[in-house]
Amino acid sequence: FASTLAKSDLGKGETFSSYPLLQLLEEPSLPETPTAPKPTIVLIGALFGSIFSTTGLTLLWWRQRIQTYVKRRGRPG
């Protein structure tokens, strides 16, 4: 009962006594040019990511083809 009573008293408290009022002294401003992400870095990252992904998939495909070739032909020995 005591915890329920405390919760109901908390809801009736004054909001402004808990949080201070905010006063804007100056209008917020945005920079003329964006700081991040820079388009050249994004394009370079996308290019390298594409190259690495293509290379990885190609190597996996070659590996699978070599394994099937070796299984069909039999291992030398």
PDB file of N, CA and C in Angstrom:
ATOM      1  N   PHE A   1       0.819  -1.199   0.000  1.00  0.00           N
ATOM      2  CA  PHE A   1       0.000   0.000   0.000  1.00  0.00           C
ATOM      3  C   PHE A   1       0.863   1.263   0.000  1.00  0.00           C
ATOM      4  N   ALA A   2       1.978   1.205   0.747  1.00  0.00           N
ATOM      5  CA  ALA A   2       2.839   2.388   0.857  1.00  0.00           C
ATOM      6  C   ALA A   2       3.485   2.721  -0.486  1.00  0.00           C
ATOM      7  N   SER A   3       3.897   1.688  -1.258  1.00  0.00           N
ATOM      8  CA  SER A   3       4.537   1.951  -2.550  1.00  0.00           C
ATOM      9  C   SER A   3       3.525   2.523  -3.545  1.00  0.00           C
ATOM     10  N   THR A   4       2.289   2.046  -3.505  1.00  0.00           N
ATOM     11  CA  THR A   4       1.250   2.577  -4.382  1.00  0.00           C
ATOM     12  C   THR A   4       0.959   4.029  -4.044  1.00  0.00           C
ATOM     13  N   LEU A   5       0.938   4.337  -2.773  1.00  0.00           N
ATOM     14  CA  LEU A   5       0.704   5.710  -2.344  1.00  0.00           C
ATOM     15  C   LEU A   5       1.851   6.617  -2.780  1.00  0.00           C
ATOM     16  N   ALA A   6       3.083   6.115  -2.690  1.00  0.00           N
ATOM     17  CA  ALA A   6       4.241   6.907  -3.109  1.00  0.00           C
ATOM     18  C   ALA A   6       4.208   7.161  -4.608  1.00  0.00           C
ATOM     19  N   LYS A   7       3.806   6.155  -5.394  1.00  0.00           N
ATOM     20  CA  LYS A   7       3.726   6.330  -6.842  1.00  0.00           C
ATOM     21  C   LYS A   7       2.672   7.367  -7.209  1.00  0.00           C
ATOM     22  N   SER A   8       1.570   7.349  -6.530  1.00  0.00           N
ATOM     23  CA  SER A   8       0.520   8.326  -6.838  1.00  0.00           C
ATOM     24  C   SER A   8       0.959   9.736  -6.456  1.00  0.00           C
ATOM     25  N   ASP A   9       1.749   9.874  -5.404  1.00  0.00           N
ATOM     26  CA  ASP A   9       2.255  11.189  -5.012  1.00  0.00           C
ATOM     27  C   ASP A   9       3.287  11.698  -6.004  1.00  0.00           C
ATOM     28  N   LEU A  10       4.088  10.786  -6.588  1.00  0.00           N
ATOM     29  CA  LEU A  10       5.096  11.205  -7.567  1.00  0.00           C
ATOM     30  C   LEU A  10       4.453  11.769  -8.820  1.00  0.00           C
ATOM     31  N   GLY A  11       3.320  11.208  -9.220  1.00  0.00           N
ATOM     32  CA  GLY A  11       2.636  11.682 -10.410  1.00  0.00           C
ATOM     33  C   GLY A  11       2.059  13.066 -10.249  1.00  0.00           C
ATOM     34  N   LYS A  12       1.797  13.469  -9.039  1.00  0.00           N
ATOM     35  CA  LYS A  12       1.194  14.786  -8.788  1.00  0.00           C
ATOM     36  C   LYS A  12       2.230  15.889  -8.609  1.00  0.00           C
ATOM     37  N   GLY A  13       3.506  15.528  -8.625  1.00  0.00           N
ATOM     38  CA  GLY A  13       4.560  16.519  -8.405  1.00  0.00           C
ATOM     39  C   GLY A  13       4.625  17.548  -9.502  1.00  0.00           C
ATOM     40  N   GLU A  14       5.245  18.656  -9.198  1.00  0.00           N
ATOM     41  CA  GLU A  14       5.374  19.728 -10.176  1.00  0.00           C
ATOM     42  C   GLU A  14       6.537  19.417 -11.114  1.00  0.00           C
ATOM     43  N   THR A  15       6.293  19.470 -12.391  1.00  0.00           N
ATOM     44  CA  THR A  15       7.308  19.111 -13.380  1.00  0.00           C
ATOM     45  C   THR A  15       8.456  20.106 -13.401  1.00  0.00           C
ATOM     46  N   PHE A  16       8.159  21.375 -13.281  1.00  0.00           N
ATOM     47  CA  PHE A  16       9.193  22.395 -13.406  1.00  0.00           C
ATOM     48  C   PHE A  16      10.153  22.406 -12.221  1.00  0.00           C
ATOM     49  N   SER A  17       9.764  21.837 -11.090  1.00  0.00           N
ATOM     50  CA  SER A  17      10.697  21.782  -9.969  1.00  0.00           C
ATOM     51  C   SER A  17      11.749  20.687 -10.189  1.00  0.00           C
ATOM     52  N   SER A  18      11.409  19.668 -10.971  1.00  0.00           N
ATOM     53  CA  SER A  18      12.353  18.583 -11.249  1.00  0.00           C
ATOM     54  C   SER A  18      13.323  18.944 -12.363  1.00  0.00           C
ATOM     55  N   TYR A  19      12.818  19.634 -13.371  1.00  0.00           N
ATOM     56  CA  TYR A  19      13.636  19.974 -14.536  1.00  0.00           C
ATOM     57  C   TYR A  19      13.688  21.489 -14.681  1.00  0.00           C
ATOM     58  N   PRO A  20      14.882  22.030 -14.894  1.00  0.00           N
ATOM     59  CA  PRO A  20      14.979  23.488 -15.037  1.00  0.00           C
ATOM     60  C   PRO A  20      14.412  23.946 -16.384  1.00  0.00           C
ATOM     61  N   LEU A  21      13.962  25.179 -16.425  1.00  0.00           N
ATOM     62  CA  LEU A  21      13.474  25.748 -17.671  1.00  0.00           C
ATOM     63  C   LEU A  21      14.640  26.008 -18.609  1.00  0.00           C
ATOM     64  N   LEU A  22      14.373  25.889 -19.884  1.00  0.00           N
ATOM     65  CA  LEU A  22      15.410  26.090 -20.886  1.00  0.00           C
ATOM     66  C   LEU A  22      15.132  27.400 -21.610  1.00  0.00           C
ATOM     67  N   GLN A  23      16.161  28.166 -21.816  1.00  0.00           N
ATOM     68  CA  GLN A  23      15.982  29.441 -22.502  1.00  0.00           C
ATOM     69  C   GLN A  23      16.984  29.514 -23.641  1.00  0.00           C
ATOM     70  N   LEU A  24      16.497  29.736 -24.852  1.00  0.00           N
ATOM     71  CA  LEU A  24      17.367  29.857 -26.016  1.00  0.00           C
ATOM     72  C   LEU A  24      17.885  31.284 -26.103  1.00  0.00           C
ATOM     73  N   LEU A  25      19.186  31.422 -26.177  1.00  0.00           N
ATOM     74  CA  LEU A  25      19.782  32.750 -26.303  1.00  0.00           C
ATOM     75  C   LEU A  25      19.969  33.128 -27.753  1.00  0.00           C
ATOM     76  N   GLU A  26      20.170  32.109 -28.609  1.00  0.00           N
ATOM     77  CA  GLU A  26      20.417  32.374 -30.016  1.00  0.00           C
ATOM     78  C   GLU A  26      19.776  31.262 -30.834  1.00  0.00           C
ATOM     79  N   GLU A  27      19.316  31.589 -32.011  1.00  0.00           N
ATOM     80  CA  GLU A  27      18.704  30.612 -32.908  1.00  0.00           C
ATOM     81  C   GLU A  27      19.755  29.588 -33.341  1.00  0.00           C
ATOM     82  N   PRO A  28      19.436  28.296 -33.332  1.00  0.00           N
ATOM     83  CA  PRO A  28      20.414  27.307 -33.795  1.00  0.00           C
ATOM     84  C   PRO A  28      20.706  27.483 -35.284  1.00  0.00           C
ATOM     85  N   SER A  29      21.940  27.231 -35.662  1.00  0.00           N
ATOM     86  CA  SER A  29      22.321  27.391 -37.067  1.00  0.00           C
ATOM     87  C   SER A  29      22.951  26.099 -37.580  1.00  0.00           C
ATOM     88  N   LEU A  30      22.807  25.858 -38.860  1.00  0.00           N
ATOM     89  CA  LEU A  30      23.390  24.694 -39.502  1.00  0.00           C
ATOM     90  C   LEU A  30      24.597  25.124 -40.322  1.00  0.00           C
ATOM     91  N   PRO A  31      25.617  24.268 -40.440  1.00  0.00           N
ATOM     92  CA  PRO A  31      26.775  24.626 -41.257  1.00  0.00           C
ATOM     93  C   PRO A  31      26.406  24.665 -42.742  1.00  0.00           C
ATOM     94  N   GLU A  32      27.165  25.419 -43.498  1.00  0.00           N
ATOM     95  CA  GLU A  32      26.919  25.558 -44.936  1.00  0.00           C
ATOM     96  C   GLU A  32      27.173  24.252 -45.675  1.00  0.00           C
ATOM     97  N   THR A  33      28.272  23.563 -45.324  1.00  0.00           N
ATOM     98  CA  THR A  33      28.616  22.293 -45.983  1.00  0.00           C
ATOM     99  C   THR A  33      28.524  21.160 -44.963  1.00  0.00           C
ATOM    100  N   PRO A  34      28.099  19.996 -45.400  1.00  0.00           N
ATOM    101  CA  PRO A  34      28.019  18.873 -44.473  1.00  0.00           C
ATOM    102  C   PRO A  34      29.413  18.416 -44.044  1.00  0.00           C
ATOM    103  N   THR A  35      29.545  18.010 -42.790  1.00  0.00           N
ATOM    104  CA  THR A  35      30.850  17.580 -42.295  1.00  0.00           C
ATOM    105  C   THR A  35      31.092  16.101 -42.553  1.00  0.00           C
ATOM    106  N   ALA A  36      30.052  15.294 -42.522  1.00  0.00           N
ATOM    107  CA  ALA A  36      30.224  13.860 -42.767  1.00  0.00           C
ATOM    108  C   ALA A  36      28.909  13.306 -43.249  1.00  0.00           C
ATOM    109  N   PRO A  37      28.854  12.311 -44.000  1.00  0.00           N
ATOM    110  CA  PRO A  37      29.944  11.606 -44.661  1.00  0.00           C
ATOM    111  C   PRO A  37      30.332  12.326 -45.951  1.00  0.00           C
ATOM    112  N   LYS A  38      31.605  12.316 -46.218  1.00  0.00           N
ATOM    113  CA  LYS A  38      32.102  12.968 -47.433  1.00  0.00           C
ATOM    114  C   LYS A  38      31.840  12.029 -48.623  1.00  0.00           C
ATOM    115  N   PRO A  39      31.328  12.557 -49.719  1.00  0.00           N
ATOM    116  CA  PRO A  39      30.950  11.715 -50.863  1.00  0.00           C
ATOM    117  C   PRO A  39      32.106  10.911 -51.443  1.00  0.00           C
ATOM    118  N   THR A  40      33.319  11.490 -51.472  1.00  0.00           N
ATOM    119  CA  THR A  40      34.440  10.743 -52.055  1.00  0.00           C
ATOM    120  C   THR A  40      34.794   9.529 -51.201  1.00  0.00           C
ATOM    121  N   ILE A  41      34.763   9.685 -49.884  1.00  0.00           N
ATOM    122  CA  ILE A  41      35.083   8.561 -48.998  1.00  0.00           C
ATOM    123  C   ILE A  41      34.011   7.484 -49.112  1.00  0.00           C
ATOM    124  N   VAL A  42      32.761   7.889 -49.251  1.00  0.00           N
ATOM    125  CA  VAL A  42      31.676   6.926 -49.400  1.00  0.00           C
ATOM    126  C   VAL A  42      31.836   6.147 -50.702  1.00  0.00           C
ATOM    127  N   LEU A  43      32.151   6.834 -51.788  1.00  0.00           N
ATOM    128  CA  LEU A  43      32.331   6.163 -53.077  1.00  0.00           C
ATOM    129  C   LEU A  43      33.525   5.218 -53.060  1.00  0.00           C
ATOM    130  N   ILE A  44      34.626   5.643 -52.452  1.00  0.00           N
ATOM    131  CA  ILE A  44      35.807   4.773 -52.363  1.00  0.00           C
ATOM    132  C   ILE A  44      35.488   3.542 -51.517  1.00  0.00           C
ATOM    133  N   GLY A  45      34.793   3.725 -50.403  1.00  0.00           N
ATOM    134  CA  GLY A  45      34.407   2.593 -49.566  1.00  0.00           C
ATOM    135  C   GLY A  45      33.482   1.637 -50.289  1.00  0.00           C
ATOM    136  N   ALA A  46      32.525   2.169 -51.044  1.00  0.00           N
ATOM    137  CA  ALA A  46      31.607   1.322 -51.807  1.00  0.00           C
ATOM    138  C   ALA A  46      32.354   0.559 -52.893  1.00  0.00           C
ATOM    139  N   LEU A  47      33.316   1.213 -53.538  1.00  0.00           N
ATOM    140  CA  LEU A  47      34.104   0.558 -54.582  1.00  0.00           C
ATOM    141  C   LEU A  47      34.917  -0.594 -54.001  1.00  0.00           C
ATOM    142  N   PHE A  48      35.633  -0.338 -52.911  1.00  0.00           N
ATOM    143  CA  PHE A  48      36.438  -1.398 -52.303  1.00  0.00           C
ATOM    144  C   PHE A  48      35.561  -2.515 -51.742  1.00  0.00           C
ATOM    145  N   GLY A  49      34.441  -2.166 -51.161  1.00  0.00           N
ATOM    146  CA  GLY A  49      33.525  -3.189 -50.663  1.00  0.00           C
ATOM    147  C   GLY A  49      33.016  -4.075 -51.783  1.00  0.00           C
ATOM    148  N   SER A  50      32.702  -3.479 -52.911  1.00  0.00           N
ATOM    149  CA  SER A  50      32.237  -4.231 -54.068  1.00  0.00           C
ATOM    150  C   SER A  50      33.339  -5.150 -54.600  1.00  0.00           C
ATOM    151  N   ILE A  51      34.563  -4.618 -54.669  1.00  0.00           N
ATOM    152  CA  ILE A  51      35.695  -5.432 -55.147  1.00  0.00           C
ATOM    153  C   ILE A  51      35.945  -6.606 -54.212  1.00  0.00           C
ATOM    154  N   PHE A  52      35.963  -6.364 -52.906  1.00  0.00           N
ATOM    155  CA  PHE A  52      36.205  -7.445 -51.942  1.00  0.00           C
ATOM    156  C   PHE A  52      35.095  -8.486 -51.978  1.00  0.00           C
ATOM    157  N   SER A  53      33.845  -8.049 -52.090  1.00  0.00           N
ATOM    158  CA  SER A  53      32.724  -8.994 -52.146  1.00  0.00           C
ATOM    159  C   SER A  53      32.800  -9.849 -53.401  1.00  0.00           C
ATOM    160  N   THR A  54      33.068  -9.220 -54.534  1.00  0.00           N
ATOM    161  CA  THR A  54      33.169  -9.954 -55.795  1.00  0.00           C
ATOM    162  C   THR A  54      34.328 -10.934 -55.759  1.00  0.00           C
ATOM    163  N   THR A  55      35.464 -10.520 -55.227  1.00  0.00           N
ATOM    164  CA  THR A  55      36.615 -11.404 -55.126  1.00  0.00           C
ATOM    165  C   THR A  55      36.316 -12.589 -54.220  1.00  0.00           C
ATOM    166  N   GLY A  56      35.698 -12.351 -53.086  1.00  0.00           N
ATOM    167  CA  GLY A  56      35.366 -13.432 -52.160  1.00  0.00           C
ATOM    168  C   GLY A  56      34.404 -14.433 -52.774  1.00  0.00           C
ATOM    169  N   LEU A  57      33.360 -13.940 -53.431  1.00  0.00           N
ATOM    170  CA  LEU A  57      32.410 -14.847 -54.067  1.00  0.00           C
ATOM    171  C   LEU A  57      33.044 -15.632 -55.209  1.00  0.00           C
ATOM    172  N   THR A  58      33.926 -14.982 -55.968  1.00  0.00           N
ATOM    173  CA  THR A  58      34.622 -15.672 -57.055  1.00  0.00           C
ATOM    174  C   THR A  58      35.530 -16.763 -56.512  1.00  0.00           C
ATOM    175  N   LEU A  59      36.252 -16.482 -55.437  1.00  0.00           N
ATOM    176  CA  LEU A  59      37.133 -17.497 -54.846  1.00  0.00           C
ATOM    177  C   LEU A  59      36.329 -18.679 -54.298  1.00  0.00           C
ATOM    178  N   LEU A  60      35.192 -18.408 -53.684  1.00  0.00           N
ATOM    179  CA  LEU A  60      34.347 -19.504 -53.212  1.00  0.00           C
ATOM    180  C   LEU A  60      33.830 -20.353 -54.370  1.00  0.00           C
ATOM    181  N   TRP A  61      33.465 -19.703 -55.458  1.00  0.00           N
ATOM    182  CA  TRP A  61      32.970 -20.432 -56.625  1.00  0.00           C
ATOM    183  C   TRP A  61      34.076 -21.290 -57.225  1.00  0.00           C
ATOM    184  N   TRP A  62      35.302 -20.743 -57.364  1.00  0.00           N
ATOM    185  CA  TRP A  62      36.430 -21.516 -57.890  1.00  0.00           C
ATOM    186  C   TRP A  62      36.751 -22.700 -56.989  1.00  0.00           C
ATOM    187  N   ARG A  63      36.703 -22.456 -55.685  1.00  0.00           N
ATOM    188  CA  ARG A  63      36.997 -23.535 -54.732  1.00  0.00           C
ATOM    189  C   ARG A  63      36.005 -24.683 -54.894  1.00  0.00           C
ATOM    190  N   GLN A  64      34.741 -24.353 -55.053  1.00  0.00           N
ATOM    191  CA  GLN A  64      33.719 -25.377 -55.223  1.00  0.00           C
ATOM    192  C   GLN A  64      33.945 -26.142 -56.529  1.00  0.00           C
ATOM    193  N   ARG A  65      34.284 -25.437 -57.593  1.00  0.00           N
ATOM    194  CA  ARG A  65      34.536 -26.103 -58.882  1.00  0.00           C
ATOM    195  C   ARG A  65      35.744 -27.017 -58.800  1.00  0.00           C
ATOM    196  N   ILE A  66      36.792 -26.581 -58.121  1.00  0.00           N
ATOM    197  CA  ILE A  66      37.996 -27.409 -57.995  1.00  0.00           C
ATOM    198  C   ILE A  66      37.698 -28.656 -57.178  1.00  0.00           C
ATOM    199  N   GLN A  67      36.926 -28.492 -56.087  1.00  0.00           N
ATOM    200  CA  GLN A  67      36.584 -29.648 -55.254  1.00  0.00           C
ATOM    201  C   GLN A  67      35.750 -30.666 -56.030  1.00  0.00           C
ATOM    202  N   THR A  68      34.803 -30.206 -56.845  1.00  0.00           N
ATOM    203  CA  THR A  68      34.005 -31.144 -57.632  1.00  0.00           C
ATOM    204  C   THR A  68      34.860 -31.806 -58.703  1.00  0.00           C
ATOM    205  N   TYR A  69      35.790 -31.085 -59.274  1.00  0.00           N
ATOM    206  CA  TYR A  69      36.669 -31.656 -60.291  1.00  0.00           C
ATOM    207  C   TYR A  69      37.550 -32.751 -59.681  1.00  0.00           C
ATOM    208  N   VAL A  70      38.093 -32.479 -58.501  1.00  0.00           N
ATOM    209  CA  VAL A  70      38.962 -33.450 -57.841  1.00  0.00           C
ATOM    210  C   VAL A  70      38.156 -34.686 -57.434  1.00  0.00           C
ATOM    211  N   LYS A  71      36.933 -34.507 -56.951  1.00  0.00           N
ATOM    212  CA  LYS A  71      36.098 -35.639 -56.571  1.00  0.00           C
ATOM    213  C   LYS A  71      35.750 -36.513 -57.767  1.00  0.00           C
ATOM    214  N   ARG A  72      35.463 -35.903 -58.904  1.00  0.00           N
ATOM    215  CA  ARG A  72      35.120 -36.661 -60.108  1.00  0.00           C
ATOM    216  C   ARG A  72      36.319 -37.413 -60.646  1.00  0.00           C
ATOM    217  N   ARG A  73      37.457 -36.773 -60.634  1.00  0.00           N
ATOM    218  CA  ARG A  73      38.645 -37.338 -61.255  1.00  0.00           C
ATOM    219  C   ARG A  73      39.351 -38.294 -60.316  1.00  0.00           C
ATOM    220  N   GLY A  74      39.178 -38.111 -59.035  1.00  0.00           N
ATOM    221  CA  GLY A  74      39.905 -38.919 -58.065  1.00  0.00           C
ATOM    222  C   GLY A  74      41.199 -38.233 -57.691  1.00  0.00           C
ATOM    223  N   ARG A  75      41.623 -38.455 -56.499  1.00  0.00           N
ATOM    224  CA  ARG A  75      42.855 -37.796 -56.050  1.00  0.00           C
ATOM    225  C   ARG A  75      44.081 -38.513 -56.602  1.00  0.00           C
ATOM    226  N   PRO A  76      45.039 -37.746 -57.042  1.00  0.00           N
ATOM    227  CA  PRO A  76      46.278 -38.379 -57.538  1.00  0.00           C
ATOM    228  C   PRO A  76      47.044 -39.016 -56.378  1.00  0.00           C
ATOM    229  N   GLY A  77      47.642 -40.126 -56.640  1.00  0.00           N
ATOM    230  CA  GLY A  77      48.385 -40.684 -55.546  1.00  0.00           C
ATOM    231  C   GLY A  77      48.739 -42.040 -55.729  1.00  0.00           C
TER     232      GLY A  77
END
